[in-house]
Amino acid sequence: MKIIRKIFLLFPALLLSLLAMAQNKPVEMADSMRSNGRIYVVVAVALTIMAGLILYVFRLDRKISRLEKESN
């Protein structure tokens, strides 16, 4: 029941954020980065950082699980 309540509270927040993002203003910085080809560097760096964080959390979880098994 609590999960359903959280989902119903999250849904309006998502709708509000979509409405805020639905503005028709052009983003000049993104256009210039796209035209220069730098946007791909930004995306590559962001994906590398995210992959590193996911790998770190995965390895940390495995180590903690191993320590929990050894302590029992």
C-alpha atoms as a PDB file:
ATOM      1  CA  MET A   1       0.000   0.000   0.000  1.00  0.00           C
ATOM      2  CA  LYS A   2       2.877   2.367   0.789  1.00  0.00           C
ATOM      3  CA  ILE A   3       4.464   1.706  -2.583  1.00  0.00           C
ATOM      4  CA  ILE A   4       1.280   2.654  -4.401  1.00  0.00           C
ATOM      5  CA  ARG A   5       1.048   5.862  -2.368  1.00  0.00           C
ATOM      6  CA  LYS A   6       4.652   6.738  -3.254  1.00  0.00           C
ATOM      7  CA  ILE A   7       3.990   6.097  -6.925  1.00  0.00           C
ATOM      8  CA  PHE A   8       0.945   8.353  -6.871  1.00  0.00           C
ATOM      9  CA  LEU A   9       2.982  11.090  -5.196  1.00  0.00           C
ATOM     10  CA  LEU A  10       5.831  10.685  -7.663  1.00  0.00           C
ATOM     11  CA  PHE A  11       3.605  10.846 -10.745  1.00  0.00           C
ATOM     12  CA  PRO A  12       2.536  14.524 -10.350  1.00  0.00           C
ATOM     13  CA  ALA A  13       6.134  15.517  -9.699  1.00  0.00           C
ATOM     14  CA  LEU A  14       7.188  13.869 -12.939  1.00  0.00           C
ATOM     15  CA  LEU A  15       4.406  15.626 -14.820  1.00  0.00           C
ATOM     16  CA  LEU A  16       5.476  18.987 -13.428  1.00  0.00           C
ATOM     17  CA  SER A  17       9.049  18.381 -14.483  1.00  0.00           C
ATOM     18  CA  LEU A  18       7.900  17.429 -17.987  1.00  0.00           C
ATOM     19  CA  LEU A  19       5.895  20.629 -18.234  1.00  0.00           C
ATOM     20  CA  ALA A  20       8.922  22.637 -17.177  1.00  0.00           C
ATOM     21  CA  MET A  21      11.082  20.904 -19.778  1.00  0.00           C
ATOM     22  CA  ALA A  22       8.538  21.432 -22.557  1.00  0.00           C
ATOM     23  CA  GLN A  23       9.592  24.991 -23.196  1.00  0.00           C
ATOM     24  CA  ASN A  24      10.387  25.900 -26.793  1.00  0.00           C
ATOM     25  CA  LYS A  25      13.502  27.910 -26.045  1.00  0.00           C
ATOM     26  CA  PRO A  26      16.513  26.929 -28.129  1.00  0.00           C
ATOM     27  CA  VAL A  27      19.620  26.005 -26.182  1.00  0.00           C
ATOM     28  CA  GLU A  28      22.478  27.829 -27.854  1.00  0.00           C
ATOM     29  CA  MET A  29      25.243  26.076 -25.955  1.00  0.00           C
ATOM     30  CA  ALA A  30      24.015  22.622 -26.983  1.00  0.00           C
ATOM     31  CA  ASP A  31      23.690  23.731 -30.601  1.00  0.00           C
ATOM     32  CA  SER A  32      27.237  25.047 -30.690  1.00  0.00           C
ATOM     33  CA  MET A  33      28.602  21.919 -29.016  1.00  0.00           C
ATOM     34  CA  ARG A  34      26.699  19.738 -31.471  1.00  0.00           C
ATOM     35  CA  SER A  35      28.005  21.676 -34.441  1.00  0.00           C
ATOM     36  CA  ASN A  36      31.603  21.410 -33.194  1.00  0.00           C
ATOM     37  CA  GLY A  37      31.279  17.715 -32.356  1.00  0.00           C
ATOM     38  CA  ARG A  38      32.112  18.305 -28.691  1.00  0.00           C
ATOM     39  CA  ILE A  39      28.797  16.933 -27.495  1.00  0.00           C
ATOM     40  CA  TYR A  40      30.089  13.425 -28.158  1.00  0.00           C
ATOM     41  CA  VAL A  41      33.039  14.054 -25.855  1.00  0.00           C
ATOM     42  CA  VAL A  42      30.695  15.237 -23.118  1.00  0.00           C
ATOM     43  CA  VAL A  43      28.469  12.178 -23.543  1.00  0.00           C
ATOM     44  CA  ALA A  44      31.479   9.844 -23.557  1.00  0.00           C
ATOM     45  CA  VAL A  45      32.857  11.366 -20.340  1.00  0.00           C
ATOM     46  CA  ALA A  46      29.453  11.198 -18.636  1.00  0.00           C
ATOM     47  CA  LEU A  47      28.995   7.554 -19.658  1.00  0.00           C
ATOM     48  CA  THR A  48      32.500   6.692 -18.467  1.00  0.00           C
ATOM     49  CA  ILE A  49      31.855   8.263 -15.071  1.00  0.00           C
ATOM     50  CA  MET A  50      28.497   6.490 -14.741  1.00  0.00           C
ATOM     51  CA  ALA A  51      30.013   3.136 -15.732  1.00  0.00           C
ATOM     52  CA  GLY A  52      32.789   3.641 -13.177  1.00  0.00           C
ATOM     53  CA  LEU A  53      30.314   4.431 -10.422  1.00  0.00           C
ATOM     54  CA  ILE A  54      28.155   1.419 -11.265  1.00  0.00           C
ATOM     55  CA  LEU A  55      31.203  -0.850 -11.320  1.00  0.00           C
ATOM     56  CA  TYR A  56      32.390   0.567  -7.990  1.00  0.00           C
ATOM     57  CA  VAL A  57      29.019   0.007  -6.308  1.00  0.00           C
ATOM     58  CA  PHE A  58      28.768  -3.517  -7.738  1.00  0.00           C
ATOM     59  CA  ARG A  59      32.224  -4.483  -6.469  1.00  0.00           C
ATOM     60  CA  LEU A  60      31.570  -2.870  -3.094  1.00  0.00           C
ATOM     61  CA  ASP A  61      28.336  -4.848  -2.747  1.00  0.00           C
ATOM     62  CA  ARG A  62      30.165  -8.094  -3.534  1.00  0.00           C
ATOM     63  CA  LYS A  63      32.849  -7.332  -0.944  1.00  0.00           C
ATOM     64  CA  ILE A  64      30.285  -6.474   1.724  1.00  0.00           C
ATOM     65  CA  SER A  65      28.327  -9.645   0.968  1.00  0.00           C
ATOM     66  CA  ARG A  66      31.512 -11.701   1.261  1.00  0.00           C
ATOM     67  CA  LEU A  67      32.367 -10.091   4.610  1.00  0.00           C
ATOM     68  CA  GLU A  68      28.844 -10.735   5.902  1.00  0.00           C
ATOM     69  CA  LYS A  69      29.096 -14.414   4.964  1.00  0.00           C
ATOM     70  CA  GLU A  70      32.492 -14.716   6.666  1.00  0.00           C
ATOM     71  CA  SER A  71      31.268 -13.095   9.859  1.00  0.00           C
ATOM     72  CA  ASN A  72      28.442 -15.640  10.275  1.00  0.00           C
END
